[in-house]
């Protein structure tokens, strides 16, 4: 059952409706599939509201915390592995500005929160860092460990990690899925050493594309519970002991086959035909750089304990 929640940023219970609930009764079937990283459940979402006091945009009413947690534990996503090449290219490019902000540490110790199959940890290890991860999906965490990566199954409140034990903590397309992002940032603060760096990549509700597309913006999805802007994310980081030093748009690489597969949500037959042609021509794995300006990365240093 969906329940109303107060603003996670300022605590107010004073929000205006932006987009109504588009989830019907039939959406209960197959809901687990829509919690995959590669989900194509665009346009199906809980009611989305905006806090009148601080401007945070979030889903309310929404599903209960326990049912959401269980969905992430049970999710299986083989398509993510099939798209590995595009994700490696994305993380290699996104690693560079992160690396430039980490100074004075010979071998930075990194924790990737919501690391899924651990591709970013592999990138960090390749650059001489000591990479660790935490991931609720039983399937994804095991995939990562089979590749020899240090990945714990669970969430920050369920795994046993010593305080002040990491130099860098990253969240790639994760914070929008949290039921309590402010609480998670407090946990991250405690895990970082003094002056440590947090890197958060998420969708930008205040960018041009959502203003143009409105309810047709593809990132309006059931699994996205929070829709930050640069301002609201920086505000939340400030409240949890961080000092934001940089915010920048960052796109990603996708494979041509992924683009054509997503087309299948609109025109299935055309999608199948084009995917078949691309495979015959040997171009289905071509990487395509995409940056529509509605994904951004925030870098912030731990300034004080909370």
C-alpha atoms as a PDB file:
ATOM      1  CA  UNK A   1       0.000   0.000   0.000  1.00  0.00           C
ATOM      2  CA  UNK A   2       1.288   3.436  -0.936  1.00  0.00           C
ATOM      3  CA  UNK A   3       1.871   5.840   1.952  1.00  0.00           C
ATOM      4  CA  UNK A   4       2.557   9.581   2.064  1.00  0.00           C
ATOM      5  CA  UNK A   5       6.007  10.729   3.197  1.00  0.00           C
ATOM      6  CA  UNK A   6       7.269  14.134   4.382  1.00  0.00           C
ATOM      7  CA  UNK A   7      10.052  16.024   2.637  1.00  0.00           C
ATOM      8  CA  UNK A   8      13.381  14.287   3.186  1.00  0.00           C
ATOM      9  CA  UNK A   9      15.280  17.583   2.974  1.00  0.00           C
ATOM     10  CA  UNK A  10      13.452  19.978   5.298  1.00  0.00           C
ATOM     11  CA  UNK A  11      10.957  17.650   7.005  1.00  0.00           C
ATOM     12  CA  UNK A  12       7.887  19.635   5.926  1.00  0.00           C
ATOM     13  CA  UNK A  13       4.621  17.930   5.017  1.00  0.00           C
ATOM     14  CA  UNK A  14       3.580  20.628   2.577  1.00  0.00           C
ATOM     15  CA  UNK A  15       3.909  19.563  -1.051  1.00  0.00           C
ATOM     16  CA  UNK A  16       2.140  20.326  -4.292  1.00  0.00           C
ATOM     17  CA  UNK A  17       1.348  17.692  -6.894  1.00  0.00           C
ATOM     18  CA  UNK A  18       3.393  17.929 -10.091  1.00  0.00           C
ATOM     19  CA  UNK A  19       2.575  14.651 -11.848  1.00  0.00           C
ATOM     20  CA  UNK A  20      -0.229  12.252 -10.823  1.00  0.00           C
ATOM     21  CA  UNK A  21       0.237   8.547 -10.170  1.00  0.00           C
ATOM     22  CA  UNK A  22       0.353   6.536 -13.409  1.00  0.00           C
ATOM     23  CA  UNK A  23       0.601   3.091 -11.816  1.00  0.00           C
ATOM     24  CA  UNK A  24      -2.463   0.933 -12.373  1.00  0.00           C
ATOM     25  CA  UNK A  25      -3.495  -2.317 -10.739  1.00  0.00           C
ATOM     26  CA  UNK A  26      -1.892  -4.341 -13.526  1.00  0.00           C
ATOM     27  CA  UNK A  27       1.446  -2.687 -12.751  1.00  0.00           C
ATOM     28  CA  UNK A  28       1.708  -4.823  -9.626  1.00  0.00           C
ATOM     29  CA  UNK A  29       2.561  -7.747 -11.910  1.00  0.00           C
ATOM     30  CA  UNK A  30       6.121  -7.631 -13.131  1.00  0.00           C
ATOM     31  CA  UNK A  31       7.009  -4.834 -10.743  1.00  0.00           C
ATOM     32  CA  UNK A  32      10.313  -6.505  -9.885  1.00  0.00           C
ATOM     33  CA  UNK A  33      11.463  -6.130 -13.490  1.00  0.00           C
ATOM     34  CA  UNK A  34      11.047  -2.377 -13.206  1.00  0.00           C
ATOM     35  CA  UNK A  35      13.651  -2.279 -10.426  1.00  0.00           C
ATOM     36  CA  UNK A  36      16.376  -3.432 -12.808  1.00  0.00           C
ATOM     37  CA  UNK A  37      19.080  -0.953 -13.743  1.00  0.00           C
ATOM     38  CA  UNK A  38      18.107  -1.605 -17.372  1.00  0.00           C
ATOM     39  CA  UNK A  39      14.380  -1.171 -16.747  1.00  0.00           C
ATOM     40  CA  UNK A  40      12.321   0.359 -19.546  1.00  0.00           C
ATOM     41  CA  UNK A  41       9.401   1.213 -17.267  1.00  0.00           C
ATOM     42  CA  UNK A  42       9.355   4.846 -18.365  1.00  0.00           C
ATOM     43  CA  UNK A  43       6.225   6.836 -17.585  1.00  0.00           C
ATOM     44  CA  UNK A  44       4.977   4.493 -14.850  1.00  0.00           C
ATOM     45  CA  UNK A  45       5.478   6.127 -11.479  1.00  0.00           C
ATOM     46  CA  UNK A  46       3.988   7.109  -8.148  1.00  0.00           C
ATOM     47  CA  UNK A  47       2.578  10.597  -7.696  1.00  0.00           C
ATOM     48  CA  UNK A  48       5.409  13.132  -7.881  1.00  0.00           C
ATOM     49  CA  UNK A  49       5.262  16.198  -5.657  1.00  0.00           C
ATOM     50  CA  UNK A  50       7.355  19.284  -4.902  1.00  0.00           C
ATOM     51  CA  UNK A  51       7.962  20.577  -1.393  1.00  0.00           C
ATOM     52  CA  UNK A  52       6.580  24.121  -1.111  1.00  0.00           C
ATOM     53  CA  UNK A  53       9.224  25.065   1.459  1.00  0.00           C
ATOM     54  CA  UNK A  54      12.542  23.835   0.054  1.00  0.00           C
ATOM     55  CA  UNK A  55      11.727  22.725  -3.506  1.00  0.00           C
ATOM     56  CA  UNK A  56      12.716  19.051  -3.228  1.00  0.00           C
ATOM     57  CA  UNK A  57      10.846  16.885  -5.746  1.00  0.00           C
ATOM     58  CA  UNK A  58       9.941  13.352  -4.684  1.00  0.00           C
ATOM     59  CA  UNK A  59       7.454  10.493  -4.995  1.00  0.00           C
ATOM     60  CA  UNK A  60       4.558  10.511  -2.510  1.00  0.00           C
ATOM     61  CA  UNK A  61       2.505   8.523  -1.718  1.00  0.00           C
ATOM     62  CA  UNK A  62       4.733   5.575  -2.565  1.00  0.00           C
ATOM     63  CA  UNK A  63       5.398   1.924  -1.743  1.00  0.00           C
ATOM     64  CA  UNK A  64       6.632   0.906   1.686  1.00  0.00           C
ATOM     65  CA  UNK A  65      10.355   0.864   2.510  1.00  0.00           C
ATOM     66  CA  UNK A  66      10.408  -2.875   3.195  1.00  0.00           C
ATOM     67  CA  UNK A  67       8.803  -3.842  -0.121  1.00  0.00           C
ATOM     68  CA  UNK A  68      11.221  -1.541  -1.998  1.00  0.00           C
ATOM     69  CA  UNK A  69      14.209  -3.051  -0.171  1.00  0.00           C
ATOM     70  CA  UNK A  70      13.017  -6.565  -0.994  1.00  0.00           C
ATOM     71  CA  UNK A  71      12.598  -5.694  -4.675  1.00  0.00           C
ATOM     72  CA  UNK A  72      16.234  -4.590  -4.909  1.00  0.00           C
ATOM     73  CA  UNK A  73      17.423  -7.709  -3.115  1.00  0.00           C
ATOM     74  CA  UNK A  74      15.612 -10.001  -5.545  1.00  0.00           C
ATOM     75  CA  UNK A  75      16.294  -8.199  -8.823  1.00  0.00           C
ATOM     76  CA  UNK A  76      18.173 -10.071 -11.571  1.00  0.00           C
ATOM     77  CA  UNK A  77      19.423  -8.113 -14.595  1.00  0.00           C
ATOM     78  CA  UNK A  78      21.418 -10.093 -17.226  1.00  0.00           C
ATOM     79  CA  UNK A  79      21.003  -7.278 -19.773  1.00  0.00           C
ATOM     80  CA  UNK A  80      23.284  -5.126 -17.604  1.00  0.00           C
ATOM     81  CA  UNK A  81      26.107  -7.607 -18.142  1.00  0.00           C
ATOM     82  CA  UNK A  82      25.412  -7.712 -21.878  1.00  0.00           C
ATOM     83  CA  UNK A  83      25.839  -3.907 -21.969  1.00  0.00           C
ATOM     84  CA  UNK A  84      29.156  -4.040 -20.139  1.00  0.00           C
ATOM     85  CA  UNK A  85      31.188  -2.326 -22.876  1.00  0.00           C
ATOM     86  CA  UNK A  86      29.151   0.888 -22.765  1.00  0.00           C
ATOM     87  CA  UNK A  87      29.320   1.026 -18.984  1.00  0.00           C
ATOM     88  CA  UNK A  88      33.098   0.533 -18.956  1.00  0.00           C
ATOM     89  CA  UNK A  89      33.498   3.444 -21.382  1.00  0.00           C
ATOM     90  CA  UNK A  90      31.166   5.598 -19.259  1.00  0.00           C
ATOM     91  CA  UNK A  91      32.954   4.884 -15.996  1.00  0.00           C
ATOM     92  CA  UNK A  92      36.419   5.347 -17.509  1.00  0.00           C
ATOM     93  CA  UNK A  93      35.413   8.820 -18.684  1.00  0.00           C
ATOM     94  CA  UNK A  94      33.651   9.732 -15.432  1.00  0.00           C
ATOM     95  CA  UNK A  95      36.592   8.528 -13.351  1.00  0.00           C
ATOM     96  CA  UNK A  96      38.911  11.277 -14.597  1.00  0.00           C
ATOM     97  CA  UNK A  97      37.322  14.328 -12.888  1.00  0.00           C
ATOM     98  CA  UNK A  98      36.918  12.269  -9.707  1.00  0.00           C
ATOM     99  CA  UNK A  99      40.587  11.303  -9.749  1.00  0.00           C
ATOM    100  CA  UNK A 100      41.602  14.954 -10.179  1.00  0.00           C
ATOM    101  CA  UNK A 101      39.876  15.902  -6.912  1.00  0.00           C
ATOM    102  CA  UNK A 102      41.606  13.246  -4.790  1.00  0.00           C
ATOM    103  CA  UNK A 103      44.976  14.539  -3.678  1.00  0.00           C
ATOM    104  CA  UNK A 104      47.557  13.521  -1.100  1.00  0.00           C
ATOM    105  CA  UNK A 105      46.497   9.859  -0.938  1.00  0.00           C
ATOM    106  CA  UNK A 106      48.860   7.318  -2.458  1.00  0.00           C
ATOM    107  CA  UNK A 107      46.271   4.547  -2.873  1.00  0.00           C
ATOM    108  CA  UNK A 108      42.755   5.924  -2.255  1.00  0.00           C
ATOM    109  CA  UNK A 109      40.310   3.569  -0.588  1.00  0.00           C
ATOM    110  CA  UNK A 110      36.982   3.719  -2.411  1.00  0.00           C
ATOM    111  CA  UNK A 111      33.497   2.514  -1.521  1.00  0.00           C
ATOM    112  CA  UNK A 112      30.973   2.328  -4.358  1.00  0.00           C
ATOM    113  CA  UNK A 113      27.457   2.330  -2.877  1.00  0.00           C
ATOM    114  CA  UNK A 114      24.914   0.437  -4.946  1.00  0.00           C
ATOM    115  CA  UNK A 115      27.761  -0.927  -7.061  1.00  0.00           C
ATOM    116  CA  UNK A 116      25.589  -3.499  -8.862  1.00  0.00           C
ATOM    117  CA  UNK A 117      27.976  -5.855 -10.727  1.00  0.00           C
ATOM    118  CA  UNK A 118      31.030  -3.813  -9.707  1.00  0.00           C
ATOM    119  CA  UNK A 119      32.168  -2.314 -13.012  1.00  0.00           C
ATOM    120  CA  UNK A 120      33.207   1.003 -11.453  1.00  0.00           C
ATOM    121  CA  UNK A 121      35.188  -0.861  -8.785  1.00  0.00           C
ATOM    122  CA  UNK A 122      37.109  -2.596 -11.567  1.00  0.00           C
ATOM    123  CA  UNK A 123      37.909   0.799 -13.100  1.00  0.00           C
ATOM    124  CA  UNK A 124      39.137   2.161  -9.746  1.00  0.00           C
ATOM    125  CA  UNK A 125      41.288  -0.924  -9.120  1.00  0.00           C
ATOM    126  CA  UNK A 126      42.768  -0.597 -12.602  1.00  0.00           C
ATOM    127  CA  UNK A 127      43.917   2.916 -11.686  1.00  0.00           C
ATOM    128  CA  UNK A 128      45.677   1.711  -8.532  1.00  0.00           C
ATOM    129  CA  UNK A 129      42.891   2.390  -6.017  1.00  0.00           C
ATOM    130  CA  UNK A 130      41.542  -0.066  -3.453  1.00  0.00           C
ATOM    131  CA  UNK A 131      37.935  -0.551  -4.474  1.00  0.00           C
ATOM    132  CA  UNK A 132      35.092  -1.868  -2.328  1.00  0.00           C
ATOM    133  CA  UNK A 133      31.362  -2.045  -2.940  1.00  0.00           C
ATOM    134  CA  UNK A 134      28.052  -2.604  -1.213  1.00  0.00           C
ATOM    135  CA  UNK A 135      25.041  -3.861  -3.152  1.00  0.00           C
ATOM    136  CA  UNK A 136      21.572  -5.094  -2.048  1.00  0.00           C
ATOM    137  CA  UNK A 137      20.920  -7.294  -5.115  1.00  0.00           C
ATOM    138  CA  UNK A 138      21.921 -10.861  -4.271  1.00  0.00           C
ATOM    139  CA  UNK A 139      22.458 -11.588  -7.964  1.00  0.00           C
ATOM    140  CA  UNK A 140      24.549  -8.477  -8.720  1.00  0.00           C
ATOM    141  CA  UNK A 141      26.747  -8.783  -5.625  1.00  0.00           C
ATOM    142  CA  UNK A 142      27.535 -12.386  -6.490  1.00  0.00           C
ATOM    143  CA  UNK A 143      28.338 -11.411 -10.099  1.00  0.00           C
ATOM    144  CA  UNK A 144      30.858  -8.897  -8.735  1.00  0.00           C
ATOM    145  CA  UNK A 145      32.462 -11.353  -6.320  1.00  0.00           C
ATOM    146  CA  UNK A 146      32.856 -13.914  -9.105  1.00  0.00           C
ATOM    147  CA  UNK A 147      35.049 -11.331 -10.830  1.00  0.00           C
ATOM    148  CA  UNK A 148      37.250 -11.177  -7.722  1.00  0.00           C
ATOM    149  CA  UNK A 149      35.876  -7.868  -6.420  1.00  0.00           C
ATOM    150  CA  UNK A 150      35.418  -6.838  -2.788  1.00  0.00           C
ATOM    151  CA  UNK A 151      31.645  -6.471  -2.658  1.00  0.00           C
ATOM    152  CA  UNK A 152      29.405  -6.843   0.388  1.00  0.00           C
ATOM    153  CA  UNK A 153      25.752  -7.838   0.024  1.00  0.00           C
ATOM    154  CA  UNK A 154      23.399  -5.418   1.735  1.00  0.00           C
ATOM    155  CA  UNK A 155      22.990  -1.704   2.398  1.00  0.00           C
ATOM    156  CA  UNK A 156      24.940   0.825   4.433  1.00  0.00           C
ATOM    157  CA  UNK A 157      22.763   0.200   7.477  1.00  0.00           C
ATOM    158  CA  UNK A 158      23.125  -3.596   7.282  1.00  0.00           C
ATOM    159  CA  UNK A 159      26.821  -4.167   6.510  1.00  0.00           C
ATOM    160  CA  UNK A 160      29.587  -3.825   9.085  1.00  0.00           C
ATOM    161  CA  UNK A 161      32.037  -1.141   7.982  1.00  0.00           C
ATOM    162  CA  UNK A 162      34.300   0.773  10.393  1.00  0.00           C
ATOM    163  CA  UNK A 163      33.887   4.565  10.612  1.00  0.00           C
ATOM    164  CA  UNK A 164      36.334   6.876   8.823  1.00  0.00           C
ATOM    165  CA  UNK A 165      37.646   3.991   6.704  1.00  0.00           C
ATOM    166  CA  UNK A 166      37.308   5.384   3.156  1.00  0.00           C
ATOM    167  CA  UNK A 167      38.861   8.262   1.226  1.00  0.00           C
ATOM    168  CA  UNK A 168      36.196   8.331  -1.478  1.00  0.00           C
ATOM    169  CA  UNK A 169      32.564   7.160  -1.636  1.00  0.00           C
ATOM    170  CA  UNK A 170      30.681   7.095  -4.933  1.00  0.00           C
ATOM    171  CA  UNK A 171      26.989   6.794  -5.778  1.00  0.00           C
ATOM    172  CA  UNK A 172      26.365   6.304  -9.490  1.00  0.00           C
ATOM    173  CA  UNK A 173      22.640   6.601 -10.295  1.00  0.00           C
ATOM    174  CA  UNK A 174      21.793   5.494  -6.765  1.00  0.00           C
ATOM    175  CA  UNK A 175      20.668   8.388  -4.547  1.00  0.00           C
ATOM    176  CA  UNK A 176      17.360   8.758  -6.419  1.00  0.00           C
ATOM    177  CA  UNK A 177      16.472   5.192  -5.391  1.00  0.00           C
ATOM    178  CA  UNK A 178      17.002   5.643  -1.634  1.00  0.00           C
ATOM    179  CA  UNK A 179      13.961   5.772   0.634  1.00  0.00           C
ATOM    180  CA  UNK A 180      15.941   8.081   2.960  1.00  0.00           C
ATOM    181  CA  UNK A 181      18.733   9.859   1.038  1.00  0.00           C
ATOM    182  CA  UNK A 182      19.481  12.277   3.868  1.00  0.00           C
ATOM    183  CA  UNK A 183      19.988   9.401   6.295  1.00  0.00           C
ATOM    184  CA  UNK A 184      22.248   7.632   3.801  1.00  0.00           C
ATOM    185  CA  UNK A 185      24.405  10.751   3.448  1.00  0.00           C
ATOM    186  CA  UNK A 186      24.809  10.823   7.229  1.00  0.00           C
ATOM    187  CA  UNK A 187      26.050   7.215   7.085  1.00  0.00           C
ATOM    188  CA  UNK A 188      28.404   8.129   4.249  1.00  0.00           C
ATOM    189  CA  UNK A 189      29.766  11.049   6.283  1.00  0.00           C
ATOM    190  CA  UNK A 190      30.637   8.683   9.120  1.00  0.00           C
ATOM    191  CA  UNK A 191      32.388   6.240   6.777  1.00  0.00           C
ATOM    192  CA  UNK A 192      34.568   8.929   5.188  1.00  0.00           C
ATOM    193  CA  UNK A 193      37.848  10.091   6.638  1.00  0.00           C
ATOM    194  CA  UNK A 194      38.183  13.833   7.431  1.00  0.00           C
ATOM    195  CA  UNK A 195      38.395  15.682   4.109  1.00  0.00           C
ATOM    196  CA  UNK A 196      37.132  12.627   2.218  1.00  0.00           C
ATOM    197  CA  UNK A 197      35.241  13.007  -1.045  1.00  0.00           C
ATOM    198  CA  UNK A 198      31.723  11.945  -1.976  1.00  0.00           C
ATOM    199  CA  UNK A 199      30.741  11.732  -5.657  1.00  0.00           C
ATOM    200  CA  UNK A 200      27.035  11.565  -6.566  1.00  0.00           C
ATOM    201  CA  UNK A 201      25.717  11.059 -10.093  1.00  0.00           C
ATOM    202  CA  UNK A 202      21.961  11.443 -10.527  1.00  0.00           C
ATOM    203  CA  UNK A 203      19.162  12.818 -12.711  1.00  0.00           C
ATOM    204  CA  UNK A 204      18.566  16.586 -12.794  1.00  0.00           C
ATOM    205  CA  UNK A 205      14.929  17.654 -12.432  1.00  0.00           C
ATOM    206  CA  UNK A 206      15.906  21.292 -13.008  1.00  0.00           C
ATOM    207  CA  UNK A 207      17.673  20.747 -16.341  1.00  0.00           C
ATOM    208  CA  UNK A 208      16.183  21.805 -19.675  1.00  0.00           C
ATOM    209  CA  UNK A 209      14.906  18.416 -20.869  1.00  0.00           C
ATOM    210  CA  UNK A 210      12.373  17.730 -18.059  1.00  0.00           C
ATOM    211  CA  UNK A 211      11.053  21.271 -18.488  1.00  0.00           C
ATOM    212  CA  UNK A 212      10.507  20.595 -22.189  1.00  0.00           C
ATOM    213  CA  UNK A 213       9.141  17.053 -21.921  1.00  0.00           C
ATOM    214  CA  UNK A 214       7.150  17.454 -18.709  1.00  0.00           C
ATOM    215  CA  UNK A 215       5.298  14.183 -17.934  1.00  0.00           C
ATOM    216  CA  UNK A 216       7.007  12.522 -20.927  1.00  0.00           C
ATOM    217  CA  UNK A 217      10.480  12.888 -19.379  1.00  0.00           C
ATOM    218  CA  UNK A 218      11.738   9.260 -19.430  1.00  0.00           C
ATOM    219  CA  UNK A 219      13.303   9.343 -15.956  1.00  0.00           C
ATOM    220  CA  UNK A 220       9.867   9.551 -14.319  1.00  0.00           C
ATOM    221  CA  UNK A 221       9.821   5.941 -13.152  1.00  0.00           C
ATOM    222  CA  UNK A 222       8.506   3.821 -10.288  1.00  0.00           C
ATOM    223  CA  UNK A 223      11.989   3.073  -8.937  1.00  0.00           C
ATOM    224  CA  UNK A 224      12.983   6.763  -8.779  1.00  0.00           C
ATOM    225  CA  UNK A 225      11.835   8.201  -5.470  1.00  0.00           C
ATOM    226  CA  UNK A 226      13.752  11.510  -5.453  1.00  0.00           C
ATOM    227  CA  UNK A 227      14.401  14.047  -8.212  1.00  0.00           C
ATOM    228  CA  UNK A 228      17.203  16.370  -7.179  1.00  0.00           C
ATOM    229  CA  UNK A 229      18.356  19.640  -8.691  1.00  0.00           C
ATOM    230  CA  UNK A 230      21.865  20.969  -8.206  1.00  0.00           C
ATOM    231  CA  UNK A 231      20.504  23.298  -5.526  1.00  0.00           C
ATOM    232  CA  UNK A 232      18.537  20.745  -3.497  1.00  0.00           C
ATOM    233  CA  UNK A 233      21.358  18.190  -3.600  1.00  0.00           C
ATOM    234  CA  UNK A 234      23.944  20.771  -2.492  1.00  0.00           C
ATOM    235  CA  UNK A 235      21.575  21.828   0.301  1.00  0.00           C
ATOM    236  CA  UNK A 236      21.206  18.240   1.529  1.00  0.00           C
ATOM    237  CA  UNK A 237      24.968  17.733   1.381  1.00  0.00           C
ATOM    238  CA  UNK A 238      25.491  20.882   3.443  1.00  0.00           C
ATOM    239  CA  UNK A 239      23.061  19.639   6.100  1.00  0.00           C
ATOM    240  CA  UNK A 240      24.921  16.328   6.323  1.00  0.00           C
ATOM    241  CA  UNK A 241      28.407  17.794   6.800  1.00  0.00           C
ATOM    242  CA  UNK A 242      29.684  18.227   3.240  1.00  0.00           C
ATOM    243  CA  UNK A 243      30.958  21.155   1.173  1.00  0.00           C
ATOM    244  CA  UNK A 244      30.063  20.964  -2.509  1.00  0.00           C
ATOM    245  CA  UNK A 245      33.021  21.886  -4.729  1.00  0.00           C
ATOM    246  CA  UNK A 246      31.845  21.015  -8.212  1.00  0.00           C
ATOM    247  CA  UNK A 247      28.706  20.116 -10.165  1.00  0.00           C
ATOM    248  CA  UNK A 248      28.813  19.152 -13.825  1.00  0.00           C
ATOM    249  CA  UNK A 249      26.617  17.452 -16.439  1.00  0.00           C
ATOM    250  CA  UNK A 250      27.877  13.999 -17.351  1.00  0.00           C
ATOM    251  CA  UNK A 251      26.339  11.778 -19.981  1.00  0.00           C
ATOM    252  CA  UNK A 252      27.035   8.146 -20.744  1.00  0.00           C
ATOM    253  CA  UNK A 253      27.867   5.663 -23.454  1.00  0.00           C
ATOM    254  CA  UNK A 254      25.172   3.262 -24.621  1.00  0.00           C
ATOM    255  CA  UNK A 255      25.428   0.486 -27.170  1.00  0.00           C
ATOM    256  CA  UNK A 256      23.448   0.716 -30.393  1.00  0.00           C
ATOM    257  CA  UNK A 257      21.642  -2.508 -29.491  1.00  0.00           C
ATOM    258  CA  UNK A 258      20.479  -0.902 -26.216  1.00  0.00           C
ATOM    259  CA  UNK A 259      19.054   2.097 -28.088  1.00  0.00           C
ATOM    260  CA  UNK A 260      17.202  -0.164 -30.498  1.00  0.00           C
ATOM    261  CA  UNK A 261      15.947  -2.357 -27.643  1.00  0.00           C
ATOM    262  CA  UNK A 262      14.491   0.706 -25.877  1.00  0.00           C
ATOM    263  CA  UNK A 263      12.693   1.534 -29.118  1.00  0.00           C
ATOM    264  CA  UNK A 264      10.822  -1.716 -28.539  1.00  0.00           C
ATOM    265  CA  UNK A 265       8.763  -0.091 -25.770  1.00  0.00           C
ATOM    266  CA  UNK A 266       7.114   2.049 -28.480  1.00  0.00           C
ATOM    267  CA  UNK A 267       7.332   0.054 -31.717  1.00  0.00           C
ATOM    268  CA  UNK A 268       8.263  -3.582 -30.927  1.00  0.00           C
ATOM    269  CA  UNK A 269       8.297  -4.918 -34.500  1.00  0.00           C
ATOM    270  CA  UNK A 270      10.496  -2.143 -35.825  1.00  0.00           C
ATOM    271  CA  UNK A 271      12.830  -2.596 -32.860  1.00  0.00           C
ATOM    272  CA  UNK A 272      13.233  -6.317 -33.535  1.00  0.00           C
ATOM    273  CA  UNK A 273      13.884  -5.729 -37.231  1.00  0.00           C
ATOM    274  CA  UNK A 274      16.492  -3.015 -36.653  1.00  0.00           C
ATOM    275  CA  UNK A 275      18.261  -5.061 -33.966  1.00  0.00           C
ATOM    276  CA  UNK A 276      18.458  -8.005 -36.346  1.00  0.00           C
ATOM    277  CA  UNK A 277      19.895  -5.805 -39.112  1.00  0.00           C
ATOM    278  CA  UNK A 278      22.442  -4.284 -36.713  1.00  0.00           C
ATOM    279  CA  UNK A 279      23.609  -7.749 -35.645  1.00  0.00           C
ATOM    280  CA  UNK A 280      23.957  -8.880 -39.267  1.00  0.00           C
ATOM    281  CA  UNK A 281      26.035  -5.786 -40.036  1.00  0.00           C
ATOM    282  CA  UNK A 282      28.168  -6.329 -36.936  1.00  0.00           C
ATOM    283  CA  UNK A 283      27.361  -2.884 -35.503  1.00  0.00           C
ATOM    284  CA  UNK A 284      25.041  -3.781 -32.598  1.00  0.00           C
ATOM    285  CA  UNK A 285      27.858  -3.239 -30.090  1.00  0.00           C
ATOM    286  CA  UNK A 286      28.835   0.195 -31.382  1.00  0.00           C
ATOM    287  CA  UNK A 287      29.089   2.662 -28.482  1.00  0.00           C
ATOM    288  CA  UNK A 288      27.175   5.937 -28.743  1.00  0.00           C
ATOM    289  CA  UNK A 289      28.008   8.913 -26.511  1.00  0.00           C
ATOM    290  CA  UNK A 290      24.807  10.484 -25.178  1.00  0.00           C
ATOM    291  CA  UNK A 291      24.554  13.659 -23.110  1.00  0.00           C
ATOM    292  CA  UNK A 292      21.115  15.271 -22.961  1.00  0.00           C
ATOM    293  CA  UNK A 293      22.067  17.456 -20.003  1.00  0.00           C
ATOM    294  CA  UNK A 294      19.685  15.814 -17.533  1.00  0.00           C
ATOM    295  CA  UNK A 295      22.324  13.749 -15.722  1.00  0.00           C
ATOM    296  CA  UNK A 296      24.819  15.490 -13.460  1.00  0.00           C
ATOM    297  CA  UNK A 297      27.585  14.698 -11.013  1.00  0.00           C
ATOM    298  CA  UNK A 298      28.217  16.466  -7.717  1.00  0.00           C
ATOM    299  CA  UNK A 299      31.546  16.343  -5.851  1.00  0.00           C
ATOM    300  CA  UNK A 300      31.692  17.332  -2.172  1.00  0.00           C
ATOM    301  CA  UNK A 301      34.291  17.101   0.589  1.00  0.00           C
ATOM    302  CA  UNK A 302      33.514  16.004   4.122  1.00  0.00           C
ATOM    303  CA  UNK A 303      33.824  19.227   6.103  1.00  0.00           C
ATOM    304  CA  UNK A 304      32.526  18.202   9.538  1.00  0.00           C
ATOM    305  CA  UNK A 305      31.205  15.223  11.491  1.00  0.00           C
ATOM    306  CA  UNK A 306      27.450  14.838  11.881  1.00  0.00           C
END
